[in-house]
């Protein structure tokens, strides 16, 4: 287990070693950013709805945005699906419903 983060819904979201391997295998620039992934879940700037019931959290990270997709299985447990950095955050937002936004 890499770590946990408490979502805005107060659900404990797991970042497992298996998922972290998947993330860093696909996006090698994410190596060393596991704490930033968890921090994005804890303190997102925006939460949007995914296509298949997942939640997508976005937070400004240096000159880009960090995007984390996760699923809340129930009121107590959830898990990270993937995470990546993007400079094209509008492509992530396009056509998706905003659930929560930091004021």
N, C-alpha and C. Protein backbone atom coordinates (compact mmCIF):
# COMPACT_ATOMS: atom_id res chain seq x y z
N UNK A 1 0.84 -1.18 0.00
CA UNK A 1 0.00 0.00 0.00
C UNK A 1 0.89 1.25 0.00
N UNK A 2 0.62 2.15 -0.94
CA UNK A 2 1.36 3.41 -1.01
C UNK A 2 0.84 4.38 0.02
N UNK A 3 -0.50 4.51 0.11
CA UNK A 3 -1.09 5.43 1.08
C UNK A 3 -2.58 5.56 0.89
N UNK A 4 -3.16 6.43 1.72
CA UNK A 4 -4.59 6.70 1.71
C UNK A 4 -4.82 8.20 1.66
N UNK A 5 -5.99 8.59 1.19
CA UNK A 5 -6.42 9.98 1.22
C UNK A 5 -7.92 9.99 1.51
N UNK A 6 -8.36 10.98 2.25
CA UNK A 6 -9.78 11.13 2.55
C UNK A 6 -10.40 12.08 1.52
N UNK A 7 -11.38 11.58 0.77
CA UNK A 7 -12.03 12.39 -0.27
C UNK A 7 -12.94 13.44 0.37
N UNK A 8 -13.46 14.35 -0.44
CA UNK A 8 -14.41 15.37 0.03
C UNK A 8 -15.66 14.71 0.62
N UNK A 9 -15.98 13.50 0.17
CA UNK A 9 -17.12 12.75 0.71
C UNK A 9 -16.76 11.98 1.97
N UNK A 10 -15.53 12.19 2.46
CA UNK A 10 -15.01 11.54 3.67
C UNK A 10 -14.86 10.03 3.48
N UNK A 11 -14.55 9.62 2.25
CA UNK A 11 -14.30 8.21 1.93
C UNK A 11 -12.79 8.00 1.86
N UNK A 12 -12.32 6.92 2.46
CA UNK A 12 -10.90 6.59 2.45
C UNK A 12 -10.53 5.99 1.09
N UNK A 13 -9.69 6.72 0.33
CA UNK A 13 -9.31 6.29 -1.01
C UNK A 13 -7.91 5.68 -0.96
N UNK A 14 -7.78 4.44 -1.41
CA UNK A 14 -6.52 3.71 -1.39
C UNK A 14 -5.70 3.96 -2.65
N UNK A 15 -4.41 4.17 -2.46
CA UNK A 15 -3.46 4.16 -3.59
C UNK A 15 -2.59 2.93 -3.37
N UNK A 16 -2.89 1.88 -4.13
CA UNK A 16 -2.19 0.61 -3.95
C UNK A 16 -0.91 0.57 -4.77
N UNK A 17 -0.04 -0.33 -4.43
CA UNK A 17 1.20 -0.52 -5.19
C UNK A 17 0.90 -0.93 -6.63
N UNK A 18 -0.10 -1.77 -6.81
CA UNK A 18 -0.48 -2.22 -8.15
C UNK A 18 -0.92 -1.04 -9.02
N UNK A 19 -1.75 -0.16 -8.47
CA UNK A 19 -2.21 1.02 -9.21
C UNK A 19 -1.07 1.99 -9.46
N UNK A 20 -0.20 2.16 -8.45
CA UNK A 20 0.92 3.08 -8.63
C UNK A 20 1.86 2.58 -9.72
N UNK A 21 2.08 1.28 -9.77
CA UNK A 21 2.89 0.69 -10.84
C UNK A 21 2.25 0.97 -12.19
N UNK A 22 0.94 0.78 -12.29
CA UNK A 22 0.20 1.05 -13.53
C UNK A 22 0.37 2.52 -13.94
N UNK A 23 0.21 3.44 -12.98
CA UNK A 23 0.31 4.87 -13.26
C UNK A 23 1.71 5.23 -13.75
N UNK A 24 2.73 4.77 -13.03
CA UNK A 24 4.10 5.16 -13.39
C UNK A 24 4.60 4.42 -14.62
N UNK A 25 4.02 3.27 -14.91
CA UNK A 25 4.39 2.54 -16.12
C UNK A 25 3.87 3.28 -17.36
N UNK A 26 2.65 3.80 -17.24
CA UNK A 26 2.05 4.54 -18.35
C UNK A 26 2.53 5.99 -18.43
N UNK A 27 2.82 6.57 -17.27
CA UNK A 27 3.21 7.98 -17.18
C UNK A 27 4.45 8.07 -16.29
N UNK A 28 5.61 7.77 -16.86
CA UNK A 28 6.84 7.69 -16.05
C UNK A 28 7.18 9.01 -15.35
N UNK A 29 6.71 10.14 -15.86
CA UNK A 29 6.95 11.43 -15.21
C UNK A 29 6.24 11.54 -13.86
N UNK A 30 5.33 10.61 -13.55
CA UNK A 30 4.62 10.62 -12.27
C UNK A 30 5.45 10.03 -11.13
N UNK A 31 6.56 9.36 -11.45
CA UNK A 31 7.42 8.79 -10.41
C UNK A 31 7.77 9.88 -9.40
N UNK A 32 7.64 9.56 -8.15
CA UNK A 32 7.96 10.51 -7.08
C UNK A 32 6.82 11.45 -6.73
N UNK A 33 5.66 11.30 -7.39
CA UNK A 33 4.55 12.22 -7.15
C UNK A 33 3.37 11.57 -6.42
N UNK A 34 3.60 10.44 -5.76
CA UNK A 34 2.49 9.77 -5.07
C UNK A 34 1.87 10.66 -4.00
N UNK A 35 2.69 11.43 -3.28
CA UNK A 35 2.14 12.34 -2.26
C UNK A 35 1.27 13.42 -2.91
N UNK A 36 1.66 13.88 -4.08
CA UNK A 36 0.87 14.89 -4.80
C UNK A 36 -0.46 14.30 -5.27
N UNK A 37 -0.46 13.04 -5.65
CA UNK A 37 -1.70 12.37 -6.04
C UNK A 37 -2.65 12.33 -4.85
N UNK A 38 -2.16 11.91 -3.70
CA UNK A 38 -2.99 11.84 -2.50
C UNK A 38 -3.45 13.23 -2.07
N UNK A 39 -2.57 14.22 -2.16
CA UNK A 39 -2.92 15.61 -1.81
C UNK A 39 -4.02 16.15 -2.73
N UNK A 40 -4.01 15.76 -3.99
CA UNK A 40 -5.03 16.19 -4.94
C UNK A 40 -6.40 15.65 -4.54
N UNK A 41 -6.45 14.43 -4.02
CA UNK A 41 -7.71 13.86 -3.53
C UNK A 41 -8.18 14.61 -2.29
N UNK A 42 -7.27 14.92 -1.40
CA UNK A 42 -7.62 15.60 -0.15
C UNK A 42 -8.04 17.04 -0.38
N UNK A 43 -7.29 17.75 -1.23
CA UNK A 43 -7.54 19.18 -1.44
C UNK A 43 -7.64 19.52 -2.93
N UNK A 44 -8.68 19.01 -3.59
CA UNK A 44 -8.82 19.31 -5.02
C UNK A 44 -9.28 20.75 -5.23
N UNK A 45 -9.06 21.25 -6.42
CA UNK A 45 -9.63 22.54 -6.79
C UNK A 45 -10.97 22.34 -7.50
N UNK A 46 -11.15 21.12 -8.00
CA UNK A 46 -12.37 20.82 -8.74
C UNK A 46 -12.62 19.32 -8.73
N UNK A 47 -13.89 18.95 -8.67
CA UNK A 47 -14.29 17.55 -8.78
C UNK A 47 -15.31 17.47 -9.91
N UNK A 48 -15.06 16.57 -10.87
CA UNK A 48 -16.00 16.39 -11.97
C UNK A 48 -16.41 14.92 -12.06
N UNK A 49 -17.51 14.71 -12.74
CA UNK A 49 -18.07 13.37 -12.88
C UNK A 49 -17.38 12.63 -14.03
N UNK A 50 -17.03 11.38 -13.77
CA UNK A 50 -16.46 10.55 -14.81
C UNK A 50 -17.54 9.91 -15.66
N UNK A 51 -17.14 9.13 -16.64
CA UNK A 51 -18.08 8.49 -17.56
C UNK A 51 -18.73 7.23 -16.98
N UNK A 52 -18.04 6.56 -16.04
CA UNK A 52 -18.50 5.26 -15.55
C UNK A 52 -18.62 5.23 -14.03
N UNK A 53 -19.02 6.35 -13.42
CA UNK A 53 -19.22 6.40 -11.98
C UNK A 53 -18.01 6.81 -11.18
N UNK A 54 -16.88 6.99 -11.85
CA UNK A 54 -15.68 7.44 -11.14
C UNK A 54 -15.74 8.95 -10.93
N UNK A 55 -14.93 9.42 -10.01
CA UNK A 55 -14.78 10.85 -9.77
C UNK A 55 -13.42 11.28 -10.28
N UNK A 56 -13.36 12.50 -10.78
CA UNK A 56 -12.11 13.04 -11.30
C UNK A 56 -11.81 14.32 -10.54
N UNK A 57 -10.66 14.34 -9.87
CA UNK A 57 -10.25 15.54 -9.14
C UNK A 57 -9.10 16.19 -9.88
N UNK A 58 -9.11 17.52 -9.85
CA UNK A 58 -8.10 18.30 -10.57
C UNK A 58 -7.52 19.34 -9.63
N UNK A 59 -6.21 19.53 -9.73
CA UNK A 59 -5.54 20.54 -8.92
C UNK A 59 -4.36 21.10 -9.72
N UNK A 60 -4.17 22.40 -9.62
CA UNK A 60 -3.03 23.05 -10.27
C UNK A 60 -1.76 22.48 -9.67
N UNK A 61 -0.80 22.14 -10.53
CA UNK A 61 0.46 21.56 -10.09
C UNK A 61 1.57 22.16 -10.94
N UNK A 62 2.33 23.06 -10.34
CA UNK A 62 3.37 23.80 -11.06
C UNK A 62 2.74 24.49 -12.26
N UNK A 63 3.21 24.26 -13.46
CA UNK A 63 2.63 24.94 -14.63
C UNK A 63 1.62 24.06 -15.37
N UNK A 64 1.17 22.98 -14.72
CA UNK A 64 0.20 22.06 -15.32
C UNK A 64 -0.91 21.78 -14.32
N UNK A 65 -1.68 20.76 -14.57
CA UNK A 65 -2.71 20.28 -13.64
C UNK A 65 -2.47 18.79 -13.39
N UNK A 66 -2.68 18.40 -12.15
CA UNK A 66 -2.65 16.97 -11.85
C UNK A 66 -4.10 16.50 -11.83
N UNK A 67 -4.34 15.39 -12.49
CA UNK A 67 -5.68 14.82 -12.61
C UNK A 67 -5.64 13.43 -11.98
N UNK A 68 -6.58 13.17 -11.07
CA UNK A 68 -6.66 11.86 -10.42
C UNK A 68 -8.08 11.33 -10.60
N UNK A 69 -8.18 10.11 -11.08
CA UNK A 69 -9.47 9.44 -11.21
C UNK A 69 -9.55 8.36 -10.13
N UNK A 70 -10.66 8.34 -9.43
CA UNK A 70 -10.85 7.32 -8.39
C UNK A 70 -12.32 6.93 -8.30
N UNK A 71 -12.53 5.79 -7.66
CA UNK A 71 -13.89 5.28 -7.47
C UNK A 71 -14.14 5.11 -5.97
N UNK A 72 -15.31 5.60 -5.55
CA UNK A 72 -15.77 5.35 -4.18
C UNK A 72 -16.67 4.12 -4.24
N UNK A 73 -16.19 3.02 -3.67
CA UNK A 73 -16.92 1.75 -3.71
C UNK A 73 -18.15 1.81 -2.81
N UNK A 74 -17.96 2.39 -1.64
CA UNK A 74 -19.06 2.60 -0.69
C UNK A 74 -18.70 3.82 0.17
N UNK A 75 -19.38 4.01 1.28
CA UNK A 75 -19.14 5.20 2.12
C UNK A 75 -17.85 5.12 2.93
N UNK A 76 -17.17 3.99 2.86
CA UNK A 76 -15.96 3.82 3.66
C UNK A 76 -14.71 3.50 2.84
N UNK A 77 -14.88 3.08 1.60
CA UNK A 77 -13.73 2.57 0.84
C UNK A 77 -13.78 3.01 -0.61
N UNK A 78 -12.58 3.29 -1.14
CA UNK A 78 -12.44 3.63 -2.55
C UNK A 78 -11.01 3.40 -2.99
N UNK A 79 -10.74 3.59 -4.28
CA UNK A 79 -9.39 3.34 -4.77
C UNK A 79 -9.09 4.25 -5.96
N UNK A 80 -7.81 4.55 -6.13
CA UNK A 80 -7.33 5.34 -7.26
C UNK A 80 -7.33 4.45 -8.49
N UNK A 81 -7.81 4.98 -9.60
CA UNK A 81 -7.80 4.28 -10.87
C UNK A 81 -6.56 4.67 -11.66
N UNK A 82 -6.36 5.98 -11.83
CA UNK A 82 -5.19 6.48 -12.54
C UNK A 82 -4.94 7.93 -12.17
N UNK A 83 -3.80 8.43 -12.59
CA UNK A 83 -3.43 9.83 -12.36
C UNK A 83 -2.44 10.25 -13.44
N UNK A 84 -2.48 11.53 -13.79
CA UNK A 84 -1.56 12.04 -14.79
C UNK A 84 -1.49 13.56 -14.70
N UNK A 85 -0.51 14.13 -15.35
CA UNK A 85 -0.36 15.57 -15.47
C UNK A 85 -0.81 15.98 -16.87
N UNK A 86 -1.40 17.18 -16.95
CA UNK A 86 -1.80 17.69 -18.26
C UNK A 86 -1.71 19.21 -18.29
N UNK A 87 -1.40 19.73 -19.45
CA UNK A 87 -1.48 21.17 -19.68
C UNK A 87 -2.76 21.48 -20.44
N UNK A 88 -3.51 20.45 -20.78
CA UNK A 88 -4.77 20.59 -21.52
C UNK A 88 -5.95 20.15 -20.67
N UNK A 89 -6.12 20.82 -19.53
CA UNK A 89 -7.16 20.43 -18.57
C UNK A 89 -8.56 20.59 -19.16
N UNK A 90 -8.74 21.48 -20.11
CA UNK A 90 -10.06 21.65 -20.74
C UNK A 90 -10.51 20.39 -21.46
N UNK A 91 -9.57 19.62 -21.96
CA UNK A 91 -9.92 18.34 -22.61
C UNK A 91 -10.49 17.35 -21.59
N UNK A 92 -10.01 17.41 -20.36
CA UNK A 92 -10.53 16.55 -19.29
C UNK A 92 -11.92 17.01 -18.89
N UNK A 93 -12.12 18.30 -18.79
CA UNK A 93 -13.40 18.88 -18.35
C UNK A 93 -14.51 18.78 -19.40
N UNK A 94 -14.16 18.76 -20.65
CA UNK A 94 -15.12 18.89 -21.75
C UNK A 94 -16.27 17.88 -21.64
N UNK A 95 -17.47 18.44 -21.59
CA UNK A 95 -18.69 17.63 -21.57
C UNK A 95 -18.98 16.94 -20.25
N UNK A 96 -18.22 17.24 -19.21
CA UNK A 96 -18.42 16.58 -17.91
C UNK A 96 -19.09 17.54 -16.93
N UNK A 97 -19.87 16.98 -16.04
CA UNK A 97 -20.57 17.77 -15.03
C UNK A 97 -19.64 18.07 -13.86
N UNK A 98 -19.59 19.34 -13.46
CA UNK A 98 -18.82 19.74 -12.29
C UNK A 98 -19.64 19.41 -11.05
N UNK A 99 -19.03 18.64 -10.14
CA UNK A 99 -19.72 18.25 -8.91
C UNK A 99 -19.39 19.25 -7.79
N UNK A 100 -18.17 19.69 -7.76
CA UNK A 100 -17.71 20.61 -6.71
C UNK A 100 -16.55 21.43 -7.24
N UNK A 101 -16.51 22.71 -6.84
CA UNK A 101 -15.42 23.58 -7.25
C UNK A 101 -15.02 24.47 -6.09
N UNK A 102 -13.71 24.60 -5.87
CA UNK A 102 -13.20 25.44 -4.81
C UNK A 102 -13.52 26.89 -5.14
N UNK A 103 -13.98 27.61 -4.12
CA UNK A 103 -14.33 29.03 -4.34
C UNK A 103 -13.17 29.94 -4.03
